[in-house]
């Protein structure tokens, strides 16, 4: 396992961050099995774990807390998030000082720890002053309950605004941004990644396999069964039509990317995960296994480094800045120079 600095905090974290979203009712309800997976990851050199209060409504945090007992906690950089509704009360969500001060205590209890290394706002709370959230984080840091603060899925304008607010009001700075990044979703290459580099922020990536698209499991419309993760998760927002124009395009790209992976002597999964770590702004990529088989396969990718020919072939197929999600305003491919695209970490 290799390690990288978390921005300019001085903290070193593993290139793989173990994502715990699938631990609990959302994925694997067997707590003992989840704990074994966490221990296997730690034994493989992973020292970075990311979860959130909303993952199985606290169950994921409880599992992580159980797994870190027995002296393991002190060697782990533990990250969790808040923002999504955690109850029927309208104030049990968002980025208000009131909710942050309450929910951090709940997370500390579920995680069975005295402090959280990285406490993150899960989304941008557009109905709350940035200073409101930052001041709460500042107090929590002074109390020793959090070490660092971070954001997740924030637009570049808000990332910059938060940095200015911290300087102007002498408040804690956001030290990390967690963003979606994969071969199908490259929009953060345009502005978010350069901004994070400018402000010395770490960058944690989620969904390196595009929700399962880049595992190679889906090659035709018939592969999308009711049990498949893509279909199950799509039900939370409506439904999924494998025959849609967008999904047919994704299936075609999976075939093309698989050919590039074959040429490189890699599986599509290993190609996709290794690719996310090629950008110089990236700190760590989140792997979110549900089973031991998935975890073993992901851990086996830790030493993979892509060569220039493979990276160029990918860029020819999916140009820098590309985003296949039509609901995102940055969907159209952008003209970007190679220096903005990536630079291998050797």
Foldseek 3Di string as FASTA:
>chain_A
DDWDDQFPPPDIFAQEEAEQLQDPPVHANPLVQVLVLVVVCVVLPGQHYEYECPRNNLRSLLSQLVSCPDPNVVSHQAEYEFADANDPPPLCGHQALVNVVVVLVVSCVSSVHQAHAEYEYAADRPVDPLVRNQQSVQVCVVVVRYVAYAYEHYDLVVLVVQQVVCVVVVTGHHQEYEYEDWLQAQQCLPHVLVSCNVVRHAYEYEDLCVQVLQQLQDQAQVSDDCPDRVQVVVVVVPGDDCPDPLNVVSNVVSVVLCVLQVVVVHGSVLVSQQQVQFAPRHRHYYDHDNHPVSSVVVSVSSPDHDDPVSVVSSCVVRNRNAHSDPVDPSHDRDDDDPNSRGHGDD
